[in-house]
Amino acid sequence: MPQYNWLETINVTEEMLEKADNRLPVIWISALDCTGCKEAFTRSFEPTALDTLLNFISLEYSKLLSVAGGFQVEEHKESIFEKYKGEFVLAVEGGIPGSDEFLMIADKSVSEEIIEASKNAKAVIAFGNCSAWGGIPAAGSNPTNSVDLRTFIPDDVPVALVPGCPPIPEVIVGTLLHIQFHGGLPELDKKLRPKVFYQATVHMTCHRKAFFDQKLFAESYDDEGARKGYCLFKLGCKGPTAFNSCESLGIDRCIAAGFTCISCSEKGFWDKGTFCGKRKM
């Protein structure tokens, strides 16, 4: 697997790095979420979340990560809308409920908060499957009438989707840093995902693909094939239909643990059947 180099991945030179003086202001609003995306952010390997926060971005608001709370952090958030008008990035995590009573922030519905924040944002990023596609809150009978982020964002506001459950930490950081160093969102595919991170399926870059090509498959998680590292396609792996960079960055993620890909970066993954059932070949 290739060695991950974040500077090379998002086309940042050492000269650009040395000239970086102002950090990118970020407002991170949480809707119906499990905080998994923010927790993934804190686990970035290169650069680390600490390096990112100290040197490249200024996380001005986050219910989970802000030091202050209550009216103090809410007033600070409002001041950022004016102080950094057209300069801050709005990050949203979680599905957006269709009814106000399901989630309020400082006496405002979360949808109202997102609409207000997006009006003066430089760009809006949906972090995670829930904000990108509706995710788990919108699964099944969808009792909260949850929808994806784009339902509430005006068409003239630049939006990027960074799906995953949660997204890969380096993809979260890499997308933010692209804006910091290049002044705008990275090139997006037709589904509004950053091409650099979502251009290939998990299957095409999987370390088990050589076994797939040889038609060598594990029949169970504890058989001889599994112990030899054979392909897990027969066990329900959805890698051939999942666009993500789980294996292409050269950093071990969930697949390295020996389990099948559940296609967590794709729309409606929670409703697409069992995650570990055998396939009929």
C-alpha atoms as a PDB file:
ATOM      1  CA  MET A   1       0.000   0.000   0.000  1.00  0.00           C
ATOM      2  CA  PRO A   2       1.215   3.562  -0.685  1.00  0.00           C
ATOM      3  CA  GLN A   3       2.527   5.698   2.135  1.00  0.00           C
ATOM      4  CA  TYR A   4       0.132   8.528   2.924  1.00  0.00           C
ATOM      5  CA  ASN A   5       1.502  12.045   2.451  1.00  0.00           C
ATOM      6  CA  TRP A   6      -1.136  14.685   3.143  1.00  0.00           C
ATOM      7  CA  LEU A   7       0.879  17.476   1.534  1.00  0.00           C
ATOM      8  CA  GLU A   8       1.126  15.565  -1.712  1.00  0.00           C
ATOM      9  CA  THR A   9      -2.484  14.335  -1.588  1.00  0.00           C
ATOM     10  CA  ILE A  10      -3.975  17.845  -1.509  1.00  0.00           C
ATOM     11  CA  ASN A  11      -1.160  19.485  -3.520  1.00  0.00           C
ATOM     12  CA  VAL A  12       0.396  21.575  -0.776  1.00  0.00           C
ATOM     13  CA  THR A  13       4.023  22.596  -1.134  1.00  0.00           C
ATOM     14  CA  GLU A  14       6.489  23.258   1.653  1.00  0.00           C
ATOM     15  CA  GLU A  15       6.502  26.908   0.577  1.00  0.00           C
ATOM     16  CA  MET A  16       2.717  27.118   1.025  1.00  0.00           C
ATOM     17  CA  LEU A  17       3.092  25.488   4.418  1.00  0.00           C
ATOM     18  CA  GLU A  18       5.683  28.032   5.537  1.00  0.00           C
ATOM     19  CA  LYS A  19       3.570  30.969   4.394  1.00  0.00           C
ATOM     20  CA  ALA A  20       0.432  29.806   6.207  1.00  0.00           C
ATOM     21  CA  ASP A  21      -0.271  32.436   8.854  1.00  0.00           C
ATOM     22  CA  ASN A  22      -4.028  32.658   9.382  1.00  0.00           C
ATOM     23  CA  ARG A  23      -6.052  29.656  10.479  1.00  0.00           C
ATOM     24  CA  LEU A  24      -9.312  28.733   8.744  1.00  0.00           C
ATOM     25  CA  PRO A  25     -12.359  29.551  10.950  1.00  0.00           C
ATOM     26  CA  VAL A  26     -14.695  26.546  11.287  1.00  0.00           C
ATOM     27  CA  ILE A  27     -18.194  26.346  12.769  1.00  0.00           C
ATOM     28  CA  TRP A  28     -19.165  22.696  13.429  1.00  0.00           C
ATOM     29  CA  ILE A  29     -22.892  22.139  14.040  1.00  0.00           C
ATOM     30  CA  SER A  30     -24.187  18.802  15.286  1.00  0.00           C
ATOM     31  CA  ALA A  31     -27.637  17.575  14.241  1.00  0.00           C
ATOM     32  CA  LEU A  32     -28.940  14.023  14.908  1.00  0.00           C
ATOM     33  CA  ASP A  33     -25.576  12.345  15.317  1.00  0.00           C
ATOM     34  CA  CYS A  34     -23.518  10.068  17.520  1.00  0.00           C
ATOM     35  CA  THR A  35     -20.462  12.420  17.598  1.00  0.00           C
ATOM     36  CA  GLY A  36     -18.561   9.744  15.658  1.00  0.00           C
ATOM     37  CA  CYS A  37     -17.427  12.172  12.952  1.00  0.00           C
ATOM     38  CA  LYS A  38     -15.901  14.592  15.444  1.00  0.00           C
ATOM     39  CA  GLU A  39     -14.292  11.685  17.257  1.00  0.00           C
ATOM     40  CA  ALA A  40     -12.870  10.496  13.934  1.00  0.00           C
ATOM     41  CA  PHE A  41     -11.449  13.983  13.386  1.00  0.00           C
ATOM     42  CA  THR A  42      -9.564  13.739  16.689  1.00  0.00           C
ATOM     43  CA  ARG A  43      -7.966  10.479  15.496  1.00  0.00           C
ATOM     44  CA  SER A  44      -6.313  11.812  12.356  1.00  0.00           C
ATOM     45  CA  PHE A  45      -2.845  10.326  11.945  1.00  0.00           C
ATOM     46  CA  GLU A  46      -1.253  12.780   9.499  1.00  0.00           C
ATOM     47  CA  PRO A  47      -1.531  15.598  10.293  1.00  0.00           C
ATOM     48  CA  THR A  48      -2.832  15.012  13.783  1.00  0.00           C
ATOM     49  CA  ALA A  49      -5.906  16.827  15.059  1.00  0.00           C
ATOM     50  CA  LEU A  50      -3.649  18.738  17.444  1.00  0.00           C
ATOM     51  CA  ASP A  51      -1.412  19.964  14.610  1.00  0.00           C
ATOM     52  CA  THR A  52      -4.485  20.846  12.571  1.00  0.00           C
ATOM     53  CA  LEU A  53      -6.096  22.864  15.372  1.00  0.00           C
ATOM     54  CA  LEU A  54      -2.934  24.657  16.427  1.00  0.00           C
ATOM     55  CA  ASN A  55      -1.608  25.497  12.978  1.00  0.00           C
ATOM     56  CA  PHE A  56      -4.247  25.330  10.248  1.00  0.00           C
ATOM     57  CA  ILE A  57      -7.864  25.681  11.411  1.00  0.00           C
ATOM     58  CA  SER A  58      -9.580  27.551  14.211  1.00  0.00           C
ATOM     59  CA  LEU A  59     -12.502  25.534  15.532  1.00  0.00           C
ATOM     60  CA  GLU A  60     -14.681  28.400  16.695  1.00  0.00           C
ATOM     61  CA  TYR A  61     -17.750  26.383  17.638  1.00  0.00           C
ATOM     62  CA  SER A  62     -18.492  22.748  18.438  1.00  0.00           C
ATOM     63  CA  LYS A  63     -20.905  21.383  21.041  1.00  0.00           C
ATOM     64  CA  LEU A  64     -18.470  18.564  21.778  1.00  0.00           C
ATOM     65  CA  LEU A  65     -15.051  20.178  21.438  1.00  0.00           C
ATOM     66  CA  SER A  66     -15.587  23.815  22.476  1.00  0.00           C
ATOM     67  CA  VAL A  67     -14.242  24.690  25.914  1.00  0.00           C
ATOM     68  CA  ALA A  68     -17.062  27.109  26.683  1.00  0.00           C
ATOM     69  CA  GLY A  69     -20.736  26.205  26.819  1.00  0.00           C
ATOM     70  CA  GLY A  70     -24.173  27.730  27.187  1.00  0.00           C
ATOM     71  CA  PHE A  71     -24.805  31.375  26.256  1.00  0.00           C
ATOM     72  CA  GLN A  72     -21.072  32.120  26.058  1.00  0.00           C
ATOM     73  CA  VAL A  73     -20.339  29.748  23.184  1.00  0.00           C
ATOM     74  CA  GLU A  74     -23.613  30.628  21.452  1.00  0.00           C
ATOM     75  CA  GLU A  75     -22.789  34.339  21.559  1.00  0.00           C
ATOM     76  CA  HIS A  76     -19.313  33.604  20.257  1.00  0.00           C
ATOM     77  CA  LYS A  77     -20.784  31.634  17.349  1.00  0.00           C
ATOM     78  CA  GLU A  78     -22.995  34.565  16.396  1.00  0.00           C
ATOM     79  CA  SER A  79     -19.998  36.893  16.474  1.00  0.00           C
ATOM     80  CA  ILE A  80     -18.101  34.623  14.075  1.00  0.00           C
ATOM     81  CA  PHE A  81     -20.876  34.978  11.494  1.00  0.00           C
ATOM     82  CA  GLU A  82     -20.121  38.704  11.332  1.00  0.00           C
ATOM     83  CA  LYS A  83     -16.387  38.745  12.037  1.00  0.00           C
ATOM     84  CA  TYR A  84     -15.575  36.128   9.408  1.00  0.00           C
ATOM     85  CA  LYS A  85     -18.413  36.725   6.973  1.00  0.00           C
ATOM     86  CA  GLY A  86     -17.675  34.813   3.769  1.00  0.00           C
ATOM     87  CA  GLU A  87     -14.502  33.355   5.277  1.00  0.00           C
ATOM     88  CA  PHE A  88     -15.577  30.606   7.668  1.00  0.00           C
ATOM     89  CA  VAL A  89     -16.426  26.996   6.832  1.00  0.00           C
ATOM     90  CA  LEU A  90     -19.634  25.450   8.110  1.00  0.00           C
ATOM     91  CA  ALA A  91     -19.246  21.770   8.984  1.00  0.00           C
ATOM     92  CA  VAL A  92     -22.421  19.810   9.698  1.00  0.00           C
ATOM     93  CA  GLU A  93     -22.641  16.375  11.270  1.00  0.00           C
ATOM     94  CA  GLY A  94     -25.808  14.318  11.623  1.00  0.00           C
ATOM     95  CA  GLY A  95     -29.158  13.973   9.915  1.00  0.00           C
ATOM     96  CA  ILE A  96     -31.430  17.018   9.893  1.00  0.00           C
ATOM     97  CA  PRO A  97     -34.843  16.330  11.494  1.00  0.00           C
ATOM     98  CA  GLY A  98     -37.881  17.510   9.553  1.00  0.00           C
ATOM     99  CA  SER A  99     -39.692  18.598  12.697  1.00  0.00           C
ATOM    100  CA  ASP A 100     -38.261  21.271  14.988  1.00  0.00           C
ATOM    101  CA  GLU A 101     -39.182  19.538  18.236  1.00  0.00           C
ATOM    102  CA  PHE A 102     -36.720  16.705  17.639  1.00  0.00           C
ATOM    103  CA  LEU A 103     -33.637  18.901  18.071  1.00  0.00           C
ATOM    104  CA  MET A 104     -33.255  22.474  19.316  1.00  0.00           C
ATOM    105  CA  ILE A 105     -30.057  24.466  19.822  1.00  0.00           C
ATOM    106  CA  ALA A 106     -30.284  27.521  22.069  1.00  0.00           C
ATOM    107  CA  ASP A 107     -34.049  27.781  21.455  1.00  0.00           C
ATOM    108  CA  LYS A 108     -33.618  27.432  17.684  1.00  0.00           C
ATOM    109  CA  SER A 109     -34.288  24.398  15.540  1.00  0.00           C
ATOM    110  CA  VAL A 110     -31.119  22.840  14.171  1.00  0.00           C
ATOM    111  CA  SER A 111     -32.383  23.392  10.623  1.00  0.00           C
ATOM    112  CA  GLU A 112     -32.778  27.114  11.394  1.00  0.00           C
ATOM    113  CA  GLU A 113     -29.242  27.167  12.804  1.00  0.00           C
ATOM    114  CA  ILE A 114     -27.832  25.547   9.667  1.00  0.00           C
ATOM    115  CA  ILE A 115     -29.705  27.848   7.296  1.00  0.00           C
ATOM    116  CA  GLU A 116     -28.540  30.943   9.185  1.00  0.00           C
ATOM    117  CA  ALA A 117     -24.919  29.778   9.346  1.00  0.00           C
ATOM    118  CA  SER A 118     -24.774  28.761   5.687  1.00  0.00           C
ATOM    119  CA  LYS A 119     -25.818  32.214   4.427  1.00  0.00           C
ATOM    120  CA  ASN A 120     -22.416  33.725   5.141  1.00  0.00           C
ATOM    121  CA  ALA A 121     -20.216  30.618   4.935  1.00  0.00           C
ATOM    122  CA  LYS A 122     -17.351  30.285   2.493  1.00  0.00           C
ATOM    123  CA  ALA A 123     -18.298  26.648   2.027  1.00  0.00           C
ATOM    124  CA  VAL A 124     -20.434  24.007   3.697  1.00  0.00           C
ATOM    125  CA  ILE A 125     -19.248  20.454   4.343  1.00  0.00           C
ATOM    126  CA  ALA A 126     -21.454  17.511   5.269  1.00  0.00           C
ATOM    127  CA  PHE A 127     -19.291  15.261   7.419  1.00  0.00           C
ATOM    128  CA  GLY A 128     -20.578  11.697   7.711  1.00  0.00           C
ATOM    129  CA  ASN A 129     -23.256   9.563   6.113  1.00  0.00           C
ATOM    130  CA  CYS A 130     -26.037  11.138   8.184  1.00  0.00           C
ATOM    131  CA  SER A 131     -25.544  14.709   6.997  1.00  0.00           C
ATOM    132  CA  ALA A 132     -24.530  13.635   3.473  1.00  0.00           C
ATOM    133  CA  TRP A 133     -27.379  11.181   2.779  1.00  0.00           C
ATOM    134  CA  GLY A 134     -29.662  11.080   5.815  1.00  0.00           C
ATOM    135  CA  GLY A 135     -27.838   8.099   7.299  1.00  0.00           C
ATOM    136  CA  ILE A 136     -29.088   6.185  10.297  1.00  0.00           C
ATOM    137  CA  PRO A 137     -31.624   8.840  11.440  1.00  0.00           C
ATOM    138  CA  ALA A 138     -33.335   8.547   8.031  1.00  0.00           C
ATOM    139  CA  ALA A 139     -33.176   4.741   7.960  1.00  0.00           C
ATOM    140  CA  GLY A 140     -36.167   2.460   8.239  1.00  0.00           C
ATOM    141  CA  SER A 141     -39.410   4.231   9.080  1.00  0.00           C
ATOM    142  CA  ASN A 142     -37.503   7.499   9.702  1.00  0.00           C
ATOM    143  CA  PRO A 143     -39.552   8.624  12.743  1.00  0.00           C
ATOM    144  CA  THR A 144     -37.846  12.038  12.865  1.00  0.00           C
ATOM    145  CA  ASN A 145     -38.408  12.718   9.143  1.00  0.00           C
ATOM    146  CA  SER A 146     -34.678  13.276   8.807  1.00  0.00           C
ATOM    147  CA  VAL A 147     -33.174  14.541   5.563  1.00  0.00           C
ATOM    148  CA  ASP A 148     -29.706  15.292   4.239  1.00  0.00           C
ATOM    149  CA  LEU A 149     -27.927  18.618   4.571  1.00  0.00           C
ATOM    150  CA  ARG A 150     -28.481  19.788   0.986  1.00  0.00           C
ATOM    151  CA  THR A 151     -32.222  20.052   1.618  1.00  0.00           C
ATOM    152  CA  PHE A 152     -31.550  23.213   3.634  1.00  0.00           C
ATOM    153  CA  ILE A 153     -28.602  24.770   1.795  1.00  0.00           C
ATOM    154  CA  PRO A 154     -29.192  27.447  -0.897  1.00  0.00           C
ATOM    155  CA  ASP A 155     -28.070  26.436  -4.386  1.00  0.00           C
ATOM    156  CA  ASP A 156     -25.486  29.229  -4.586  1.00  0.00           C
ATOM    157  CA  VAL A 157     -23.540  28.012  -1.529  1.00  0.00           C
ATOM    158  CA  PRO A 158     -20.603  25.646  -2.284  1.00  0.00           C
ATOM    159  CA  VAL A 159     -21.299  22.266  -0.672  1.00  0.00           C
ATOM    160  CA  ALA A 160     -19.152  19.142  -0.366  1.00  0.00           C
ATOM    161  CA  LEU A 161     -20.222  15.745   0.935  1.00  0.00           C
ATOM    162  CA  VAL A 162     -17.697  13.729   2.943  1.00  0.00           C
ATOM    163  CA  PRO A 163     -19.632  10.518   3.660  1.00  0.00           C
ATOM    164  CA  GLY A 164     -18.654   7.575   5.831  1.00  0.00           C
ATOM    165  CA  CYS A 165     -19.791   6.200   9.170  1.00  0.00           C
ATOM    166  CA  PRO A 166     -17.646   7.843  10.278  1.00  0.00           C
ATOM    167  CA  PRO A 167     -15.542   9.388   7.492  1.00  0.00           C
ATOM    168  CA  ILE A 168     -11.853   8.548   7.422  1.00  0.00           C
ATOM    169  CA  PRO A 169     -10.080  10.994   9.769  1.00  0.00           C
ATOM    170  CA  GLU A 170      -7.526  12.050   7.153  1.00  0.00           C
ATOM    171  CA  VAL A 171     -10.335  12.695   4.662  1.00  0.00           C
ATOM    172  CA  ILE A 172     -12.029  15.041   7.137  1.00  0.00           C
ATOM    173  CA  VAL A 173      -8.809  16.928   7.792  1.00  0.00           C
ATOM    174  CA  GLY A 174      -7.689  16.817   4.152  1.00  0.00           C
ATOM    175  CA  THR A 175     -10.909  18.415   2.936  1.00  0.00           C
ATOM    176  CA  LEU A 176     -10.623  21.243   5.464  1.00  0.00           C
ATOM    177  CA  LEU A 177      -6.957  21.818   4.680  1.00  0.00           C
ATOM    178  CA  HIS A 178      -7.609  21.949   0.952  1.00  0.00           C
ATOM    179  CA  ILE A 179      -9.866  24.936   1.628  1.00  0.00           C
ATOM    180  CA  GLN A 180      -7.262  26.472   3.891  1.00  0.00           C
ATOM    181  CA  PHE A 181      -4.428  26.249   1.382  1.00  0.00           C
ATOM    182  CA  HIS A 182      -6.286  26.550  -1.929  1.00  0.00           C
ATOM    183  CA  GLY A 183      -9.065  28.937  -0.977  1.00  0.00           C
ATOM    184  CA  GLY A 184     -11.978  26.680  -1.895  1.00  0.00           C
ATOM    185  CA  LEU A 185     -13.368  23.177  -2.020  1.00  0.00           C
ATOM    186  CA  PRO A 186     -11.423  20.434  -3.818  1.00  0.00           C
ATOM    187  CA  GLU A 187     -12.662  19.120  -7.157  1.00  0.00           C
ATOM    188  CA  LEU A 188     -15.912  17.247  -6.568  1.00  0.00           C
ATOM    189  CA  ASP A 189     -17.503  14.301  -8.364  1.00  0.00           C
ATOM    190  CA  LYS A 190     -21.098  14.275  -9.593  1.00  0.00           C
ATOM    191  CA  LYS A 191     -22.274  13.362  -6.091  1.00  0.00           C
ATOM    192  CA  LEU A 192     -20.370  16.335  -4.614  1.00  0.00           C
ATOM    193  CA  ARG A 193     -17.676  14.190  -2.967  1.00  0.00           C
ATOM    194  CA  PRO A 194     -13.993  15.233  -3.099  1.00  0.00           C
ATOM    195  CA  LYS A 195     -12.599  13.289  -6.066  1.00  0.00           C
ATOM    196  CA  VAL A 196      -9.200  12.837  -4.490  1.00  0.00           C
ATOM    197  CA  PHE A 197     -10.745  10.713  -1.725  1.00  0.00           C
ATOM    198  CA  TYR A 198     -13.746   9.099  -3.465  1.00  0.00           C
ATOM    199  CA  GLN A 199     -12.521   8.363  -6.988  1.00  0.00           C
ATOM    200  CA  ALA A 200     -12.186   4.580  -6.623  1.00  0.00           C
ATOM    201  CA  THR A 201     -14.106   1.777  -4.983  1.00  0.00           C
ATOM    202  CA  VAL A 202     -12.796   0.167  -1.835  1.00  0.00           C
ATOM    203  CA  HIS A 203     -12.548  -3.073  -3.825  1.00  0.00           C
ATOM    204  CA  MET A 204     -10.154  -1.648  -6.422  1.00  0.00           C
ATOM    205  CA  THR A 205      -7.569  -0.664  -3.810  1.00  0.00           C
ATOM    206  CA  CYS A 206      -8.207  -3.491  -1.325  1.00  0.00           C
ATOM    207  CA  HIS A 207      -5.201  -5.510  -0.175  1.00  0.00           C
ATOM    208  CA  ARG A 208      -7.306  -8.658  -0.754  1.00  0.00           C
ATOM    209  CA  LYS A 209      -8.072  -7.886  -4.407  1.00  0.00           C
ATOM    210  CA  ALA A 210      -5.341 -10.213  -5.695  1.00  0.00           C
ATOM    211  CA  PHE A 211      -7.196 -13.110  -4.077  1.00  0.00           C
ATOM    212  CA  PHE A 212     -10.469 -11.939  -5.636  1.00  0.00           C
ATOM    213  CA  ASP A 213      -8.802 -11.991  -9.062  1.00  0.00           C
ATOM    214  CA  GLN A 214      -7.675 -15.559  -8.385  1.00  0.00           C
ATOM    215  CA  LYS A 215     -11.170 -16.494  -7.171  1.00  0.00           C
ATOM    216  CA  LEU A 216      -9.859 -17.342  -3.725  1.00  0.00           C
ATOM    217  CA  PHE A 217     -12.557 -16.556  -1.154  1.00  0.00           C
ATOM    218  CA  ALA A 218     -13.023 -17.097   2.569  1.00  0.00           C
ATOM    219  CA  GLU A 219     -16.197 -19.091   3.279  1.00  0.00           C
ATOM    220  CA  SER A 220     -16.366 -18.059   6.937  1.00  0.00           C
ATOM    221  CA  TYR A 221     -14.462 -15.742   9.236  1.00  0.00           C
ATOM    222  CA  ASP A 222     -12.583 -18.581  10.895  1.00  0.00           C
ATOM    223  CA  ASP A 223     -11.786 -20.931   8.014  1.00  0.00           C
ATOM    224  CA  GLU A 224      -8.403 -21.520   6.421  1.00  0.00           C
ATOM    225  CA  GLY A 225      -9.120 -18.985   3.662  1.00  0.00           C
ATOM    226  CA  ALA A 226      -9.793 -16.248   6.174  1.00  0.00           C
ATOM    227  CA  ARG A 227      -6.578 -17.054   8.002  1.00  0.00           C
ATOM    228  CA  LYS A 228      -4.694 -16.776   4.706  1.00  0.00           C
ATOM    229  CA  GLY A 229      -6.243 -13.399   3.989  1.00  0.00           C
ATOM    230  CA  TYR A 230      -8.505 -14.478   1.125  1.00  0.00           C
ATOM    231  CA  CYS A 231     -11.142 -12.175  -0.322  1.00  0.00           C
ATOM    232  CA  LEU A 232     -14.273 -11.685   1.820  1.00  0.00           C
ATOM    233  CA  PHE A 233     -16.687 -11.084  -1.055  1.00  0.00           C
ATOM    234  CA  LYS A 234     -18.683 -14.256  -0.316  1.00  0.00           C
ATOM    235  CA  LEU A 235     -19.178 -13.077   3.261  1.00  0.00           C
ATOM    236  CA  GLY A 236     -21.090 -10.012   2.104  1.00  0.00           C
ATOM    237  CA  CYS A 237     -18.305  -7.498   1.457  1.00  0.00           C
ATOM    238  CA  LYS A 238     -19.708  -4.432  -0.315  1.00  0.00           C
ATOM    239  CA  GLY A 239     -16.336  -3.068  -1.353  1.00  0.00           C
ATOM    240  CA  PRO A 240     -17.124  -3.303  -5.105  1.00  0.00           C
ATOM    241  CA  THR A 241     -19.945  -0.756  -4.726  1.00  0.00           C
ATOM    242  CA  ALA A 242     -18.423   1.524  -2.081  1.00  0.00           C
ATOM    243  CA  PHE A 243     -16.462   4.609  -3.104  1.00  0.00           C
ATOM    244  CA  ASN A 244     -14.008   5.536  -0.379  1.00  0.00           C
ATOM    245  CA  SER A 245     -10.274   5.690   0.293  1.00  0.00           C
ATOM    246  CA  CYS A 246     -10.131   3.170   3.140  1.00  0.00           C
ATOM    247  CA  GLU A 247      -7.228   1.288   1.553  1.00  0.00           C
ATOM    248  CA  SER A 248      -5.733   3.810  -0.867  1.00  0.00           C
ATOM    249  CA  LEU A 249      -4.217   6.175   1.725  1.00  0.00           C
ATOM    250  CA  GLY A 250      -1.866   3.561   3.134  1.00  0.00           C
ATOM    251  CA  ILE A 251      -3.259   3.876   6.662  1.00  0.00           C
ATOM    252  CA  ASP A 252      -4.878   0.835   8.273  1.00  0.00           C
ATOM    253  CA  ARG A 253      -8.602   1.254   8.865  1.00  0.00           C
ATOM    254  CA  CYS A 254     -11.555  -1.080   9.522  1.00  0.00           C
ATOM    255  CA  ILE A 255     -10.819  -3.462   6.637  1.00  0.00           C
ATOM    256  CA  ALA A 256      -7.425  -4.233   8.141  1.00  0.00           C
ATOM    257  CA  ALA A 257      -9.279  -5.702  11.148  1.00  0.00           C
ATOM    258  CA  GLY A 258     -10.462  -8.575   8.940  1.00  0.00           C
ATOM    259  CA  PHE A 259     -14.114  -7.666   8.509  1.00  0.00           C
ATOM    260  CA  THR A 260     -16.091  -6.972   5.338  1.00  0.00           C
ATOM    261  CA  CYS A 261     -16.735  -3.504   3.964  1.00  0.00           C
ATOM    262  CA  ILE A 262     -20.299  -2.428   4.875  1.00  0.00           C
ATOM    263  CA  SER A 263     -20.369   0.409   2.318  1.00  0.00           C
ATOM    264  CA  CYS A 264     -20.837   3.007   5.045  1.00  0.00           C
ATOM    265  CA  SER A 265     -19.962   5.839   2.661  1.00  0.00           C
ATOM    266  CA  GLU A 266     -22.857   5.108   0.294  1.00  0.00           C
ATOM    267  CA  LYS A 267     -26.420   6.391   0.384  1.00  0.00           C
ATOM    268  CA  GLY A 268     -28.880   4.165   2.237  1.00  0.00           C
ATOM    269  CA  PHE A 269     -26.226   1.702   3.430  1.00  0.00           C
ATOM    270  CA  TRP A 270     -28.135   1.044   6.665  1.00  0.00           C
ATOM    271  CA  ASP A 271     -31.181  -0.190   4.754  1.00  0.00           C
ATOM    272  CA  LYS A 272     -29.376  -2.384   2.228  1.00  0.00           C
ATOM    273  CA  GLY A 273     -29.589  -5.710   4.017  1.00  0.00           C
ATOM    274  CA  THR A 274     -27.354  -7.549   6.453  1.00  0.00           C
ATOM    275  CA  PHE A 275     -23.722  -6.577   6.729  1.00  0.00           C
ATOM    276  CA  CYS A 276     -22.232 -10.010   7.189  1.00  0.00           C
ATOM    277  CA  GLY A 277     -24.507 -12.448   5.389  1.00  0.00           C
ATOM    278  CA  LYS A 278     -23.050 -14.865   2.839  1.00  0.00           C
ATOM    279  CA  ARG A 279     -23.442 -14.172  -0.851  1.00  0.00           C
ATOM    280  CA  LYS A 280     -24.728 -16.726  -3.316  1.00  0.00           C
ATOM    281  CA  MET A 281     -22.131 -17.242  -6.030  1.00  0.00           C
END
